[in-house]
Amino acid sequence: MRSKMTGKPLMRNVLGMAFMATMVGLVAAQAPKPHTAITPAPRDKGWMPRHEKFVEIAKAGNIDLLFLGDSITDAWGGNGHGKDLKGGPKSGSGAEIFVKEFEPLKAANFGIGGDRTQHVLWRLQNGEFDSIKPKALMLMIGTNNSNGKDNTSDEIAEGIEAIVKEVHKRSPKTKVLLLAVFPRATGKDKDAQVAQTAKINAINSRIAKLDDGGKTVKFLDIGKKFLAEDGSIPKEIMPDQLHLSPKGYRIWADAVTPSIKELMGS
């Protein structure tokens, strides 16, 4: 009966409920909407043995530096990437450099060709990061999500952000060297090329903001080092305009080694 006399308690309740509804709406608006790039997912049966091998390597420990990504990282080679005819590490384009220059830093390479952000996220949540706490981790992922209309630049960036968050959730002291998505070419369709380049630039612009001066994340864009003066991609560096040649991996190694050693504290 009191509400009929003054209306104040009832009005306060109504206003309170309206305020709460507004706050819930704001939180929901700020939270990433579900999409493939942030939804952890495994791949096919042929992919699973690669993942299981990396889990095995992780359980053995003794990893201070981890490379994480897709086929471009995969080609660094190392343990878990097969063997060549001489019994050594798989002869990926960057394998010789990896063995000579990064393995002495107690490095492991968890790159798998064809992976997207959601696959790397799933791998981290399913054993590859349970047994290790590397000093530094070099991450380069996202180019496979950028094909056509697969994911938007914001969705891909959210996927990369989710990976970095997952790494620090499991190993807070691991410093991430976050690389910009490398430049690539898309056939002879100029419009498709312009669209993909714009998408990659937008991804890199957003993830660059994760850089906190190297306290937990250092962002590094080395893409221009792979380009000719006219902005084209030389075939001697990227023969298929996406994957790197040995010369490309030499450029990559030289560009990141100082930052890797800095983040590792060596």
Protein backbone atom coordinates (compact mmCIF):
# COMPACT_ATOMS: atom_id res chain seq x y z
CA MET A 1 0.00 0.00 0.00
CA ARG A 2 2.98 2.24 0.65
CA SER A 3 3.78 2.45 -3.06
CA LYS A 4 0.32 3.82 -3.75
CA MET A 5 0.90 6.61 -1.25
CA THR A 6 4.27 7.88 -2.44
CA GLY A 7 5.36 5.77 -5.39
CA LYS A 8 9.02 6.26 -4.30
CA PRO A 9 9.98 2.69 -3.30
CA LEU A 10 8.40 1.34 -6.46
CA MET A 11 10.11 3.98 -8.60
CA ARG A 12 13.50 3.18 -6.99
CA ASN A 13 13.01 -0.50 -7.82
CA VAL A 14 12.12 0.29 -11.40
CA LEU A 15 15.11 2.59 -11.79
CA GLY A 16 17.38 0.02 -10.14
CA MET A 17 16.23 -2.69 -12.51
CA ALA A 18 16.70 -0.39 -15.49
CA PHE A 19 20.23 0.45 -14.35
CA MET A 20 21.13 -3.22 -13.95
CA ALA A 21 19.71 -4.03 -17.38
CA THR A 22 21.80 -1.24 -18.89
CA MET A 23 24.98 -2.48 -17.20
CA VAL A 24 24.37 -6.05 -18.33
CA GLY A 25 23.84 -4.76 -21.84
CA LEU A 26 27.09 -2.79 -21.75
CA VAL A 27 29.08 -5.81 -20.53
CA ALA A 28 27.53 -8.00 -23.20
CA ALA A 29 28.34 -5.42 -25.86
CA GLN A 30 31.99 -5.30 -24.77
CA ALA A 31 32.44 -9.08 -24.68
CA PRO A 32 33.60 -10.66 -27.98
CA LYS A 33 30.74 -12.34 -29.79
CA PRO A 34 31.35 -16.07 -30.42
CA HIS A 35 33.03 -16.74 -33.76
CA THR A 36 35.40 -19.35 -35.19
CA ALA A 37 38.66 -17.47 -34.54
CA ILE A 38 38.14 -17.56 -30.74
CA THR A 39 36.41 -20.94 -30.49
CA PRO A 40 39.06 -23.59 -29.65
CA ALA A 41 38.90 -26.45 -32.12
CA PRO A 42 41.03 -29.46 -33.15
CA ARG A 43 41.54 -30.50 -36.76
CA ASP A 44 41.52 -33.84 -38.60
CA LYS A 45 43.05 -37.21 -37.67
CA GLY A 46 46.23 -36.46 -39.60
CA TRP A 47 46.78 -33.34 -37.50
CA MET A 48 46.33 -35.00 -34.12
CA PRO A 49 49.65 -36.95 -34.12
CA ARG A 50 51.50 -33.65 -34.61
CA HIS A 51 49.75 -32.21 -31.58
CA GLU A 52 50.41 -35.36 -29.52
CA LYS A 53 54.11 -35.22 -30.40
CA PHE A 54 54.29 -31.63 -29.15
CA VAL A 55 52.56 -32.67 -25.91
CA GLU A 56 55.25 -35.35 -25.53
CA ILE A 57 58.01 -32.79 -26.13
CA ALA A 58 56.41 -30.43 -23.62
CA LYS A 59 56.28 -33.17 -20.97
CA ALA A 60 60.03 -33.71 -21.41
CA GLY A 61 60.50 -30.05 -20.44
CA ASN A 62 63.75 -28.11 -20.76
CA ILE A 63 62.19 -25.48 -23.05
CA ASP A 64 63.15 -21.85 -22.53
CA LEU A 65 62.02 -20.58 -25.94
CA LEU A 66 58.93 -21.66 -27.87
CA PHE A 67 57.99 -20.93 -31.47
CA LEU A 68 54.22 -21.11 -32.01
CA GLY A 69 52.20 -20.74 -35.20
CA ASP A 70 51.19 -22.22 -38.56
CA SER A 71 53.12 -23.49 -41.62
CA ILE A 72 55.37 -20.44 -41.73
CA THR A 73 56.56 -21.32 -38.23
CA ASP A 74 56.38 -25.06 -38.96
CA ALA A 75 59.17 -24.72 -41.54
CA TRP A 76 61.64 -23.74 -38.83
CA GLY A 77 61.85 -27.50 -38.29
CA GLY A 78 63.33 -29.09 -35.18
CA ASN A 79 62.15 -31.91 -32.95
CA GLY A 80 58.64 -33.08 -33.83
CA HIS A 81 58.95 -32.06 -37.48
CA GLY A 82 60.11 -35.36 -38.94
CA LYS A 83 63.56 -36.32 -40.15
CA ASP A 84 65.40 -35.91 -43.39
CA LEU A 85 67.23 -38.74 -45.18
CA LYS A 86 70.34 -38.15 -43.08
CA GLY A 87 68.44 -38.56 -39.83
CA GLY A 88 68.57 -34.91 -38.88
CA PRO A 89 65.76 -32.39 -38.34
CA LYS A 90 63.24 -32.11 -41.15
CA SER A 91 64.75 -29.97 -43.87
CA GLY A 92 62.27 -27.12 -43.72
CA SER A 93 63.51 -23.85 -45.13
CA GLY A 94 64.50 -22.57 -41.69
CA ALA A 95 65.65 -25.86 -40.14
CA GLU A 96 69.39 -25.31 -40.49
CA ILE A 97 69.19 -21.91 -38.79
CA PHE A 98 66.88 -23.24 -36.07
CA VAL A 99 69.23 -26.10 -35.17
CA LYS A 100 72.36 -23.97 -35.15
CA GLU A 101 71.07 -20.74 -33.61
CA PHE A 102 67.90 -21.40 -31.64
CA GLU A 103 68.20 -24.93 -30.26
CA PRO A 104 71.20 -23.82 -28.13
CA LEU A 105 68.74 -21.44 -26.46
CA LYS A 106 66.64 -24.52 -25.52
CA ALA A 107 64.08 -23.78 -28.21
CA ALA A 108 61.17 -25.91 -29.39
CA ASN A 109 58.98 -25.37 -32.43
CA PHE A 110 55.23 -26.01 -32.09
CA GLY A 111 54.23 -24.76 -35.54
CA ILE A 112 51.71 -26.78 -37.59
CA GLY A 113 50.95 -26.06 -41.23
CA GLY A 114 47.38 -24.93 -41.88
CA ASP A 115 46.64 -23.89 -38.30
CA ARG A 116 44.38 -20.98 -37.51
CA THR A 117 44.00 -19.10 -34.26
CA GLN A 118 41.32 -21.50 -33.00
CA HIS A 119 43.60 -24.51 -33.54
CA VAL A 120 46.53 -22.97 -31.66
CA LEU A 121 44.17 -22.00 -28.85
CA TRP A 122 42.92 -25.59 -28.64
CA ARG A 123 46.46 -26.95 -28.58
CA LEU A 124 47.41 -24.69 -25.69
CA GLN A 125 44.36 -25.87 -23.74
CA ASN A 126 45.02 -29.53 -24.44
CA GLY A 127 48.49 -30.33 -23.21
CA GLU A 128 51.06 -28.37 -25.22
CA PHE A 129 51.47 -25.76 -22.52
CA ASP A 130 50.74 -27.79 -19.38
CA SER A 131 54.30 -28.84 -18.59
CA ILE A 132 56.41 -25.89 -19.70
CA LYS A 133 56.98 -22.31 -18.68
CA PRO A 134 59.32 -20.90 -21.33
CA LYS A 135 61.08 -17.63 -20.75
CA ALA A 136 59.93 -16.38 -24.14
CA LEU A 137 57.46 -17.39 -26.83
CA MET A 138 57.47 -16.17 -30.43
CA LEU A 139 53.96 -16.12 -31.88
CA MET A 140 52.98 -15.53 -35.50
CA ILE A 141 49.48 -16.66 -36.43
CA GLY A 142 46.40 -15.45 -38.28
CA THR A 143 47.19 -15.56 -41.99
CA ASN A 144 45.08 -18.69 -42.55
CA ASN A 145 42.10 -16.98 -40.92
CA SER A 146 42.45 -14.09 -43.36
CA ASN A 147 41.53 -16.04 -46.51
CA GLY A 148 38.61 -14.43 -48.31
CA LYS A 149 35.66 -13.91 -45.98
CA ASP A 150 36.69 -16.55 -43.42
CA ASN A 151 37.16 -14.06 -40.58
CA THR A 152 37.18 -10.28 -40.24
CA SER A 153 40.28 -8.44 -39.10
CA ASP A 154 38.72 -7.83 -35.68
CA GLU A 155 37.84 -11.51 -35.30
CA ILE A 156 41.37 -12.58 -36.18
CA ALA A 157 42.83 -10.02 -33.78
CA GLU A 158 40.52 -11.34 -31.05
CA GLY A 159 41.80 -14.83 -31.78
CA ILE A 160 45.40 -13.68 -31.39
CA GLU A 161 44.52 -11.81 -28.20
CA ALA A 162 42.90 -14.98 -26.85
CA ILE A 163 46.10 -16.95 -27.51
CA VAL A 164 48.26 -14.40 -25.70
CA LYS A 165 45.80 -14.41 -22.80
CA GLU A 166 45.88 -18.22 -22.66
CA VAL A 167 49.69 -18.24 -22.61
CA HIS A 168 49.81 -15.84 -19.68
CA LYS A 169 47.02 -17.67 -17.87
CA ARG A 170 49.16 -20.81 -17.88
CA SER A 171 52.57 -19.17 -17.55
CA PRO A 172 52.37 -15.55 -16.31
CA LYS A 173 56.12 -14.99 -16.52
CA THR A 174 56.47 -16.06 -20.16
CA LYS A 175 57.20 -13.03 -22.34
CA VAL A 176 55.55 -13.06 -25.75
CA LEU A 177 57.29 -11.80 -28.85
CA LEU A 178 54.18 -11.11 -30.91
CA LEU A 179 54.93 -10.82 -34.60
CA ALA A 180 52.77 -8.95 -37.05
CA VAL A 181 51.09 -11.17 -39.64
CA PHE A 182 53.49 -11.31 -42.57
CA PRO A 183 52.64 -9.75 -45.94
CA ARG A 184 51.37 -12.09 -48.66
CA ALA A 185 50.10 -11.96 -52.23
CA THR A 186 46.76 -13.30 -53.50
CA GLY A 187 46.97 -14.47 -57.11
CA LYS A 188 46.40 -11.98 -59.91
CA ASP A 189 43.15 -10.52 -58.59
CA LYS A 190 44.11 -6.97 -57.66
CA ASP A 191 40.92 -6.33 -55.71
CA ALA A 192 41.44 -9.48 -53.64
CA GLN A 193 45.05 -8.48 -53.02
CA VAL A 194 44.07 -5.00 -51.87
CA ALA A 195 41.38 -6.45 -49.58
CA GLN A 196 43.70 -9.00 -48.01
CA THR A 197 46.50 -6.49 -47.49
CA ALA A 198 44.04 -4.12 -45.83
CA LYS A 199 42.82 -6.93 -43.59
CA ILE A 200 46.35 -7.89 -42.52
CA ASN A 201 47.22 -4.24 -41.84
CA ALA A 202 44.09 -3.87 -39.69
CA ILE A 203 44.96 -7.02 -37.71
CA ASN A 204 48.47 -5.78 -37.06
CA SER A 205 47.27 -2.32 -36.07
CA ARG A 206 45.03 -3.82 -33.40
CA ILE A 207 47.38 -6.46 -31.96
CA ALA A 208 50.19 -3.89 -31.79
CA LYS A 209 48.28 -2.43 -28.85
CA LEU A 210 49.09 -5.54 -26.80
CA ASP A 211 52.68 -4.32 -26.55
CA ASP A 212 53.46 -3.20 -23.01
CA GLY A 213 57.10 -2.40 -23.55
CA GLY A 214 58.17 -6.01 -23.25
CA LYS A 215 56.99 -6.49 -19.67
CA THR A 216 54.72 -9.29 -20.89
CA VAL A 217 54.37 -8.63 -24.64
CA LYS A 218 56.63 -7.10 -27.26
CA PHE A 219 55.07 -6.49 -30.69
CA LEU A 220 57.38 -6.58 -33.68
CA ASP A 221 56.47 -5.90 -37.31
CA ILE A 222 59.21 -7.19 -39.61
CA GLY A 223 57.03 -7.44 -42.72
CA LYS A 224 58.78 -4.69 -44.67
CA LYS A 225 62.05 -6.62 -44.49
CA PHE A 226 60.54 -9.18 -46.89
CA LEU A 227 59.44 -6.59 -49.47
CA ALA A 228 61.15 -4.98 -52.44
CA GLU A 229 61.35 -1.20 -52.72
CA ASP A 230 58.15 -1.13 -54.80
CA GLY A 231 56.25 -3.08 -52.13
CA SER A 232 56.21 -6.36 -54.06
CA ILE A 233 57.29 -9.69 -52.56
CA PRO A 234 60.47 -11.06 -54.21
CA LYS A 235 60.18 -14.73 -55.15
CA GLU A 236 63.65 -15.41 -53.79
CA ILE A 237 62.22 -14.54 -50.35
CA MET A 238 58.68 -15.92 -50.71
CA PRO A 239 58.58 -18.29 -53.71
CA ASP A 240 54.79 -18.78 -53.50
CA GLN A 241 54.17 -15.27 -52.14
CA LEU A 242 53.34 -16.72 -48.70
CA HIS A 243 55.96 -19.17 -47.44
CA LEU A 244 59.57 -18.21 -46.91
CA SER A 245 62.72 -19.47 -48.62
CA PRO A 246 65.95 -20.11 -46.66
CA LYS A 247 66.85 -16.48 -47.47
CA GLY A 248 63.55 -15.41 -45.92
CA TYR A 249 64.26 -17.35 -42.74
CA ARG A 250 67.70 -15.75 -42.55
CA ILE A 251 66.03 -12.32 -42.68
CA TRP A 252 63.52 -13.44 -40.03
CA ALA A 253 66.18 -14.81 -37.69
CA ASP A 254 68.34 -11.70 -37.93
CA ALA A 255 65.30 -9.48 -37.28
CA VAL A 256 64.05 -11.26 -34.14
CA THR A 257 67.15 -12.65 -32.42
CA PRO A 258 68.00 -9.42 -30.51
CA SER A 259 64.41 -9.19 -29.18
CA ILE A 260 64.32 -12.89 -28.29
CA LYS A 261 67.51 -12.62 -26.27
CA GLU A 262 66.29 -9.45 -24.62
CA LEU A 263 63.02 -11.08 -23.54
CA MET A 264 64.86 -14.16 -22.32
CA GLY A 265 67.13 -11.99 -20.23
CA SER A 266 70.27 -13.24 -21.91
